[in-house]
Amino acid sequence: MEILDLYSDDGVLIGKTIERGSKVECGNVMLSIVFIRNSEGKFLIQKTSEEKDSCYTSTGGHVVHGEDGLTTIIRELEEELGVICVPHDLIKIDLVKNPKRPCLINLFLLEKDLKIEDLILQKEEVSSVEWMDKDKILKLIDNGSFLESHGYLFKKYFA
């Protein structure tokens, strides 16, 4: 079971932890999400595995106990897509409070021309990936096919 640190609304550790999946009684859990944009202005969007409801999303995951947001997104990129990157490859966009849940989200941007055929997809998490333009992503968000929190962030920062 993963242990998650809890944070204040402004991203400061509050000295408490919970098991992932437990109800958050006080504070916030923290996630890290990255949108990957290529030189054509398209975004690499993944479709989650059937076990994860087959929805469209970007790469991301929970910040586990003892990690920071940057370390988390570097780990998630490697786990989910087989993409190796270093801290200076990533642009920190914001730390966002999820308006619907006790959750903070570290939002990053990776500007990189990746070849889909070179990616190593984590089959338990990701069934496929595709480069999409903004209009296609917005249609997926509007018809409910995109993970809600990721869609909210896309609309707020990239649309």
Protein backbone atom coordinates (compact mmCIF):
# COMPACT_ATOMS: atom_id res chain seq x y z
CA MET A 1 0.00 0.00 0.00
CA GLU A 2 1.28 3.46 -0.89
CA ILE A 3 1.64 6.04 1.86
CA LEU A 4 0.85 9.66 0.91
CA ASP A 5 1.89 12.82 2.73
CA LEU A 6 -0.77 15.43 3.46
CA TYR A 7 -0.36 19.13 2.65
CA SER A 8 -1.94 22.46 3.51
CA ASP A 9 -3.81 24.35 0.76
CA ASP A 10 -0.59 26.21 -0.10
CA GLY A 11 1.48 23.03 -0.48
CA VAL A 12 3.22 22.83 2.90
CA LEU A 13 3.57 19.42 4.56
CA ILE A 14 1.33 19.18 7.62
CA GLY A 15 3.12 16.21 9.22
CA LYS A 16 0.40 13.64 8.55
CA THR A 17 0.14 10.69 6.17
CA ILE A 18 -2.60 8.41 4.89
CA GLU A 19 -2.77 5.20 2.92
CA ARG A 20 -3.65 5.78 -0.72
CA GLY A 21 -7.38 5.33 -1.20
CA SER A 22 -8.23 6.37 2.36
CA LYS A 23 -10.56 9.29 2.98
CA VAL A 24 -8.74 12.57 3.52
CA GLU A 25 -9.97 13.97 6.84
CA CYS A 26 -7.74 17.05 6.91
CA GLY A 27 -5.29 18.53 4.42
CA ASN A 28 -4.73 17.52 0.81
CA VAL A 29 -3.05 14.70 -1.06
CA MET A 30 -0.75 15.80 -3.87
CA LEU A 31 -0.53 14.72 -7.51
CA SER A 32 1.84 15.60 -10.31
CA ILE A 33 0.64 15.86 -13.91
CA VAL A 34 2.58 16.66 -17.07
CA PHE A 35 1.34 17.67 -20.48
CA ILE A 36 3.78 16.79 -23.25
CA ARG A 37 3.74 19.16 -26.24
CA ASN A 38 5.67 18.66 -29.47
CA SER A 39 7.07 21.25 -31.88
CA GLU A 40 3.81 21.14 -33.90
CA GLY A 41 1.82 22.25 -30.84
CA LYS A 42 0.18 18.85 -30.39
CA PHE A 43 -0.12 17.13 -27.02
CA LEU A 44 0.68 13.49 -26.26
CA ILE A 45 -2.54 12.10 -24.79
CA GLN A 46 -2.87 8.64 -23.39
CA LYS A 47 -5.87 6.38 -23.14
CA THR A 48 -5.90 4.53 -19.87
CA SER A 49 -6.15 0.76 -19.62
CA GLU A 50 -9.54 -0.92 -19.21
CA GLU A 51 -8.72 -1.38 -15.50
CA LYS A 52 -8.43 2.43 -15.29
CA ASP A 53 -11.76 3.02 -17.11
CA SER A 54 -10.39 3.59 -20.66
CA CYS A 55 -10.49 7.38 -20.47
CA TYR A 56 -8.21 9.96 -22.04
CA THR A 57 -5.69 11.71 -19.86
CA SER A 58 -2.17 13.00 -19.55
CA THR A 59 0.69 11.42 -17.62
CA GLY A 60 0.67 11.73 -13.86
CA GLY A 61 0.35 10.17 -10.46
CA HIS A 62 0.34 10.57 -6.70
CA VAL A 63 3.25 12.12 -4.85
CA VAL A 64 4.16 9.34 -2.43
CA HIS A 65 5.57 9.80 1.06
CA GLY A 66 8.99 11.43 0.96
CA GLU A 67 8.82 12.47 -2.71
CA ASP A 68 8.36 15.91 -4.20
CA GLY A 69 6.28 16.80 -7.24
CA LEU A 70 9.21 16.94 -9.64
CA THR A 71 10.56 13.55 -8.59
CA THR A 72 7.07 12.09 -8.95
CA ILE A 73 6.55 13.28 -12.51
CA ILE A 74 10.00 12.08 -13.59
CA ARG A 75 9.14 8.66 -12.12
CA GLU A 76 5.68 8.59 -13.73
CA LEU A 77 7.05 9.50 -17.18
CA GLU A 78 9.45 6.59 -16.99
CA GLU A 79 6.90 4.13 -15.57
CA GLU A 80 3.96 4.96 -17.85
CA LEU A 81 5.74 5.84 -21.11
CA GLY A 82 9.38 4.78 -20.79
CA VAL A 83 10.43 8.43 -21.17
CA ILE A 84 13.63 9.38 -19.37
CA CYS A 85 13.98 13.05 -18.51
CA VAL A 86 15.90 15.23 -16.09
CA PRO A 87 14.60 18.09 -13.94
CA HIS A 88 15.61 20.87 -16.34
CA ASP A 89 13.53 19.23 -19.12
CA LEU A 90 10.33 20.07 -17.23
CA ILE A 91 8.66 23.45 -16.88
CA LYS A 92 6.65 23.91 -13.66
CA ILE A 93 3.40 25.64 -14.61
CA ASP A 94 1.60 25.88 -11.28
CA LEU A 95 0.47 24.22 -8.06
CA VAL A 96 -3.31 24.01 -8.36
CA LYS A 97 -5.93 23.22 -5.72
CA ASN A 98 -8.48 20.82 -7.15
CA PRO A 99 -11.82 22.62 -6.71
CA LYS A 100 -13.73 19.35 -6.18
CA ARG A 101 -11.46 17.26 -3.94
CA PRO A 102 -8.89 17.63 -1.15
CA CYS A 103 -6.06 17.49 -3.64
CA LEU A 104 -3.21 19.68 -4.88
CA ILE A 105 -1.81 19.19 -8.38
CA ASN A 106 1.70 20.03 -9.52
CA LEU A 107 1.30 20.89 -13.19
CA PHE A 108 4.30 20.52 -15.50
CA LEU A 109 4.97 20.93 -19.22
CA LEU A 110 7.47 18.85 -21.19
CA GLU A 111 8.21 20.20 -24.65
CA LYS A 112 9.66 17.30 -26.58
CA ASP A 113 9.25 15.58 -29.93
CA LEU A 114 8.75 11.98 -28.91
CA LYS A 115 8.20 9.14 -31.37
CA ILE A 116 5.21 7.03 -30.40
CA GLU A 117 6.93 3.88 -31.66
CA ASP A 118 9.80 4.49 -29.18
CA LEU A 119 7.54 4.69 -26.14
CA ILE A 120 7.27 1.76 -23.74
CA LEU A 121 3.71 1.81 -22.43
CA GLN A 122 2.92 0.46 -18.96
CA LYS A 123 0.07 -1.86 -19.99
CA GLU A 124 -1.52 -1.80 -16.49
CA GLU A 125 -1.96 1.97 -16.83
CA VAL A 126 -1.89 2.94 -20.52
CA SER A 127 -3.53 1.20 -23.49
CA SER A 128 -2.48 3.69 -26.19
CA VAL A 129 -1.09 7.17 -26.87
CA GLU A 130 -1.74 9.69 -29.63
CA TRP A 131 -0.60 13.18 -30.58
CA MET A 132 -3.69 15.41 -30.51
CA ASP A 133 -4.37 19.03 -31.35
CA LYS A 134 -6.19 21.33 -28.92
CA ASP A 135 -9.55 21.04 -30.71
CA LYS A 136 -9.61 17.24 -30.47
CA ILE A 137 -8.67 17.35 -26.78
CA LEU A 138 -11.37 19.94 -26.05
CA LYS A 139 -13.98 17.73 -27.77
CA LEU A 140 -12.92 14.77 -25.60
CA ILE A 141 -13.15 16.96 -22.49
CA ASP A 142 -16.56 18.33 -23.46
CA ASN A 143 -18.03 14.89 -24.15
CA GLY A 144 -16.78 13.47 -20.83
CA SER A 145 -14.16 11.14 -22.30
CA PHE A 146 -11.21 12.95 -20.65
CA LEU A 147 -10.30 12.51 -16.97
CA GLU A 148 -12.03 15.44 -15.28
CA SER A 149 -9.10 16.92 -13.32
CA HIS A 150 -6.74 16.67 -16.31
CA GLY A 151 -9.35 18.23 -18.57
CA TYR A 152 -9.86 21.09 -16.11
CA LEU A 153 -6.12 21.79 -16.13
CA PHE A 154 -5.87 21.56 -19.91
CA LYS A 155 -8.69 24.06 -20.38
CA LYS A 156 -7.27 26.42 -17.76
CA TYR A 157 -3.66 26.47 -19.00
CA PHE A 158 -3.45 25.27 -22.60
CA ALA A 159 -6.77 25.86 -24.40
